[in-house]
N, C-alpha and C. Protein backbone atom coordinates (compact mmCIF):
# COMPACT_ATOMS: atom_id res chain seq x y z
N MET A 1 0.83 -1.17 0.00
CA MET A 1 0.00 0.00 0.00
C MET A 1 0.89 1.25 0.00
N GLU A 2 0.76 2.06 -1.01
CA GLU A 2 1.58 3.25 -1.14
C GLU A 2 0.94 4.43 -0.43
N LYS A 3 1.80 5.27 0.11
CA LYS A 3 1.30 6.49 0.75
C LYS A 3 1.11 7.56 -0.31
N THR A 4 0.08 8.33 -0.15
CA THR A 4 -0.15 9.45 -1.06
C THR A 4 0.76 10.60 -0.64
N GLU A 5 0.89 11.58 -1.52
CA GLU A 5 1.71 12.75 -1.20
C GLU A 5 1.16 13.48 0.02
N ASN A 6 -0.16 13.54 0.14
CA ASN A 6 -0.77 14.21 1.29
C ASN A 6 -0.42 13.49 2.59
N GLU A 7 -0.44 12.17 2.58
CA GLU A 7 -0.10 11.39 3.77
C GLU A 7 1.37 11.60 4.15
N GLU A 8 2.24 11.61 3.14
CA GLU A 8 3.66 11.83 3.41
C GLU A 8 3.91 13.23 3.96
N GLU A 9 3.22 14.23 3.40
CA GLU A 9 3.35 15.60 3.88
C GLU A 9 2.86 15.71 5.32
N GLU A 10 1.74 15.07 5.61
CA GLU A 10 1.19 15.08 6.97
C GLU A 10 2.17 14.42 7.94
N GLN A 11 2.79 13.32 7.54
CA GLN A 11 3.76 12.64 8.39
C GLN A 11 4.97 13.54 8.64
N ARG A 12 5.44 14.25 7.61
CA ARG A 12 6.57 15.18 7.77
C ARG A 12 6.21 16.30 8.76
N LYS A 13 4.99 16.82 8.63
CA LYS A 13 4.56 17.89 9.53
C LYS A 13 4.51 17.40 10.98
N ARG A 14 4.00 16.19 11.18
CA ARG A 14 3.95 15.63 12.54
C ARG A 14 5.35 15.43 13.09
N ALA A 15 6.26 14.95 12.25
CA ALA A 15 7.64 14.72 12.69
C ALA A 15 8.31 16.05 13.05
N ASP A 16 8.10 17.08 12.23
CA ASP A 16 8.66 18.40 12.52
C ASP A 16 8.10 18.97 13.82
N ALA A 17 6.80 18.82 14.02
CA ALA A 17 6.17 19.31 15.25
C ALA A 17 6.74 18.58 16.47
N ARG A 18 6.94 17.29 16.35
CA ARG A 18 7.50 16.49 17.46
C ARG A 18 8.92 16.95 17.79
N ILE A 19 9.73 17.19 16.77
CA ILE A 19 11.10 17.65 16.99
C ILE A 19 11.09 19.00 17.70
N LYS A 20 10.24 19.92 17.25
CA LYS A 20 10.15 21.24 17.89
C LYS A 20 9.70 21.11 19.34
N TYR A 21 8.74 20.23 19.59
CA TYR A 21 8.25 20.01 20.95
C TYR A 21 9.37 19.48 21.84
N LEU A 22 10.11 18.50 21.35
CA LEU A 22 11.21 17.93 22.15
C LEU A 22 12.31 18.96 22.39
N MET A 23 12.58 19.80 21.41
CA MET A 23 13.58 20.86 21.59
C MET A 23 13.12 21.85 22.65
N PHE A 24 11.82 22.19 22.62
CA PHE A 24 11.27 23.09 23.63
C PHE A 24 11.40 22.46 25.02
N LEU A 25 11.07 21.19 25.13
CA LEU A 25 11.19 20.51 26.42
C LEU A 25 12.62 20.55 26.94
N SER A 26 13.58 20.38 26.04
CA SER A 26 14.98 20.41 26.47
C SER A 26 15.37 21.79 26.99
N LYS A 27 14.75 22.84 26.46
CA LYS A 27 15.02 24.20 26.92
C LYS A 27 14.41 24.46 28.30
N LEU A 28 13.42 23.66 28.70
CA LEU A 28 12.82 23.82 30.02
C LEU A 28 13.75 23.40 31.15
N SER A 29 14.70 22.54 30.87
CA SER A 29 15.60 22.05 31.92
C SER A 29 16.31 23.21 32.59
N GLY A 30 16.20 23.25 33.92
CA GLY A 30 16.82 24.33 34.69
C GLY A 30 15.93 25.53 34.88
N SER A 31 14.73 25.51 34.33
CA SER A 31 13.82 26.66 34.42
C SER A 31 12.95 26.59 35.67
N GLN A 32 12.82 27.74 36.32
CA GLN A 32 11.89 27.89 37.44
C GLN A 32 10.49 28.02 36.84
N THR A 33 9.56 27.20 37.29
CA THR A 33 8.22 27.18 36.71
C THR A 33 7.15 27.22 37.78
N ASP A 34 6.00 27.72 37.39
CA ASP A 34 4.79 27.61 38.19
C ASP A 34 3.94 26.56 37.50
N ILE A 35 3.46 25.59 38.27
CA ILE A 35 2.73 24.46 37.70
C ILE A 35 1.35 24.37 38.33
N GLU A 36 0.35 24.39 37.48
CA GLU A 36 -1.02 24.18 37.94
C GLU A 36 -1.34 22.71 37.78
N MET A 37 -1.67 22.08 38.89
CA MET A 37 -1.95 20.65 38.89
C MET A 37 -3.46 20.42 38.88
N TYR A 38 -3.82 19.19 38.60
CA TYR A 38 -5.21 18.75 38.65
C TYR A 38 -5.79 19.07 40.03
N GLU A 39 -7.04 19.41 40.09
CA GLU A 39 -7.76 19.75 41.32
C GLU A 39 -7.27 21.06 41.94
N ASN A 40 -6.85 22.01 41.10
CA ASN A 40 -6.49 23.37 41.53
C ASN A 40 -5.33 23.45 42.52
N THR A 41 -4.39 22.55 42.46
CA THR A 41 -3.19 22.63 43.28
C THR A 41 -2.13 23.36 42.48
N ASN A 42 -1.55 24.40 43.08
CA ASN A 42 -0.50 25.16 42.42
C ASN A 42 0.81 24.93 43.14
N VAL A 43 1.84 24.60 42.36
CA VAL A 43 3.17 24.35 42.91
C VAL A 43 4.20 25.13 42.11
N ARG A 44 5.37 25.24 42.67
CA ARG A 44 6.49 25.89 41.98
C ARG A 44 7.66 24.92 42.03
N ALA A 45 8.39 24.81 40.93
CA ALA A 45 9.53 23.88 40.89
C ALA A 45 10.49 24.27 39.78
N THR A 46 11.69 23.74 39.90
CA THR A 46 12.67 23.85 38.82
C THR A 46 12.61 22.55 38.03
N ILE A 47 12.38 22.66 36.74
CA ILE A 47 12.34 21.46 35.89
C ILE A 47 13.78 20.98 35.72
N THR A 48 14.03 19.76 36.12
CA THR A 48 15.36 19.17 35.97
C THR A 48 15.47 18.49 34.61
N ALA A 49 14.47 17.65 34.30
CA ALA A 49 14.49 16.94 33.03
C ALA A 49 13.09 16.40 32.71
N PRO A 50 12.57 16.74 31.55
CA PRO A 50 11.32 16.10 31.12
C PRO A 50 11.65 14.79 30.42
N GLN A 51 10.80 13.80 30.58
CA GLN A 51 10.99 12.55 29.84
C GLN A 51 10.65 12.79 28.38
N ALA A 52 11.39 12.16 27.49
CA ALA A 52 11.16 12.33 26.06
C ALA A 52 9.76 11.89 25.65
N ASN A 53 9.21 10.91 26.35
CA ASN A 53 7.86 10.45 26.01
C ASN A 53 6.79 11.32 26.65
N SER A 54 7.19 12.34 27.39
CA SER A 54 6.30 13.34 27.99
C SER A 54 5.39 12.79 29.09
N GLU A 55 5.69 11.63 29.65
CA GLU A 55 4.84 11.08 30.70
C GLU A 55 5.15 11.64 32.08
N HIS A 56 6.38 12.10 32.29
CA HIS A 56 6.78 12.60 33.60
C HIS A 56 7.72 13.80 33.44
N PHE A 57 7.74 14.64 34.48
CA PHE A 57 8.71 15.71 34.59
C PHE A 57 9.47 15.49 35.89
N ILE A 58 10.78 15.47 35.82
CA ILE A 58 11.62 15.38 37.00
C ILE A 58 11.89 16.81 37.44
N VAL A 59 11.61 17.11 38.71
CA VAL A 59 11.74 18.48 39.20
C VAL A 59 12.57 18.51 40.47
N SER A 60 13.07 19.69 40.79
CA SER A 60 13.78 19.90 42.05
C SER A 60 13.17 21.13 42.73
N ASN A 61 13.44 21.24 44.02
CA ASN A 61 12.93 22.37 44.81
C ASN A 61 11.43 22.57 44.62
N LEU A 62 10.69 21.49 44.72
CA LEU A 62 9.24 21.53 44.56
C LEU A 62 8.60 22.17 45.79
N GLU A 63 7.92 23.29 45.58
CA GLU A 63 7.23 23.98 46.66
C GLU A 63 5.74 23.71 46.51
N THR A 64 5.17 23.02 47.50
CA THR A 64 3.76 22.66 47.48
C THR A 64 3.05 23.41 48.61
N PRO A 65 1.73 23.40 48.61
CA PRO A 65 1.00 24.06 49.70
C PRO A 65 1.33 23.48 51.09
N ILE A 66 1.80 22.24 51.15
CA ILE A 66 2.08 21.63 52.46
C ILE A 66 3.56 21.50 52.78
N GLY A 67 4.42 22.01 51.91
CA GLY A 67 5.85 21.94 52.20
C GLY A 67 6.71 21.90 50.96
N LYS A 68 8.00 21.73 51.19
CA LYS A 68 8.99 21.72 50.11
C LYS A 68 9.62 20.34 49.99
N VAL A 69 9.82 19.90 48.75
CA VAL A 69 10.44 18.60 48.47
C VAL A 69 11.66 18.87 47.59
N GLU A 70 12.80 18.29 47.98
CA GLU A 70 14.04 18.55 47.24
C GLU A 70 13.98 18.03 45.80
N LYS A 71 13.50 16.80 45.62
CA LYS A 71 13.41 16.19 44.28
C LYS A 71 12.10 15.43 44.18
N ALA A 72 11.50 15.47 42.98
CA ALA A 72 10.22 14.77 42.79
C ALA A 72 10.01 14.48 41.31
N VAL A 73 9.07 13.60 41.05
CA VAL A 73 8.65 13.28 39.69
C VAL A 73 7.16 13.59 39.60
N LEU A 74 6.79 14.41 38.62
CA LEU A 74 5.39 14.76 38.42
C LEU A 74 4.86 14.06 37.18
N ARG A 75 3.69 13.47 37.30
CA ARG A 75 3.07 12.83 36.14
C ARG A 75 2.46 13.91 35.25
N SER A 76 2.72 13.82 33.98
CA SER A 76 2.16 14.79 33.03
C SER A 76 0.64 14.80 33.07
N SER A 77 0.05 13.64 33.30
CA SER A 77 -1.41 13.56 33.32
C SER A 77 -2.01 14.33 34.50
N ASP A 78 -1.20 14.68 35.51
CA ASP A 78 -1.67 15.48 36.65
C ASP A 78 -1.45 16.97 36.44
N ILE A 79 -0.75 17.33 35.38
CA ILE A 79 -0.41 18.73 35.12
C ILE A 79 -1.42 19.35 34.17
N VAL A 80 -1.97 20.49 34.58
CA VAL A 80 -2.90 21.22 33.73
C VAL A 80 -2.14 22.23 32.89
N ARG A 81 -1.19 22.96 33.55
CA ARG A 81 -0.47 24.00 32.84
C ARG A 81 0.88 24.23 33.50
N ILE A 82 1.88 24.50 32.66
CA ILE A 82 3.21 24.90 33.15
C ILE A 82 3.45 26.31 32.65
N THR A 83 3.77 27.21 33.58
CA THR A 83 4.07 28.59 33.21
C THR A 83 5.54 28.84 33.49
N VAL A 84 6.22 29.36 32.48
CA VAL A 84 7.64 29.66 32.63
C VAL A 84 7.90 31.02 31.97
N ALA A 85 8.72 31.83 32.60
CA ALA A 85 9.05 33.14 32.04
C ALA A 85 9.93 32.96 30.80
N ALA A 86 9.69 33.80 29.81
CA ALA A 86 10.49 33.73 28.58
C ALA A 86 11.97 33.93 28.91
N SER A 87 12.27 34.74 29.90
CA SER A 87 13.67 34.97 30.28
C SER A 87 14.34 33.69 30.75
N GLU A 88 13.56 32.79 31.38
CA GLU A 88 14.11 31.49 31.80
C GLU A 88 14.52 30.66 30.58
N ILE A 89 13.65 30.63 29.58
CA ILE A 89 13.94 29.86 28.35
C ILE A 89 15.16 30.45 27.65
N LEU A 90 15.20 31.78 27.54
CA LEU A 90 16.33 32.42 26.86
C LEU A 90 17.63 32.20 27.63
N ARG A 91 17.56 32.24 28.95
CA ARG A 91 18.76 32.00 29.77
C ARG A 91 19.28 30.59 29.55
N ASN A 92 18.37 29.62 29.48
CA ASN A 92 18.77 28.23 29.28
C ASN A 92 19.28 27.99 27.86
N LYS A 93 18.80 28.77 26.91
CA LYS A 93 19.26 28.64 25.52
C LYS A 93 20.73 29.00 25.40
N GLU A 94 21.17 29.95 26.23
CA GLU A 94 22.55 30.42 26.17
C GLU A 94 23.53 29.43 26.77
N LYS A 95 23.05 28.48 27.55
CA LYS A 95 23.94 27.50 28.21
C LYS A 95 24.53 26.54 27.21
């Protein structure tokens, strides 16, 4: 079964989007972030490393409403939104 040109173009677009997404994730490493979790829990943490498959984020200095944790792993499925200042991304780009 041969792929049509439209299918090949769509596959290229998906591959390009995935590469850009992974590059963005790599720029998050070392960034101070505010994270909105499921059920309206707001935390602050430094992203240490996102997993390439996007299932987990490894964080440090996690500040939660009930205390601070030096290192933790957050499930992506529990995260509603990650907010990071553009200056954090630009600072990490220079490294």
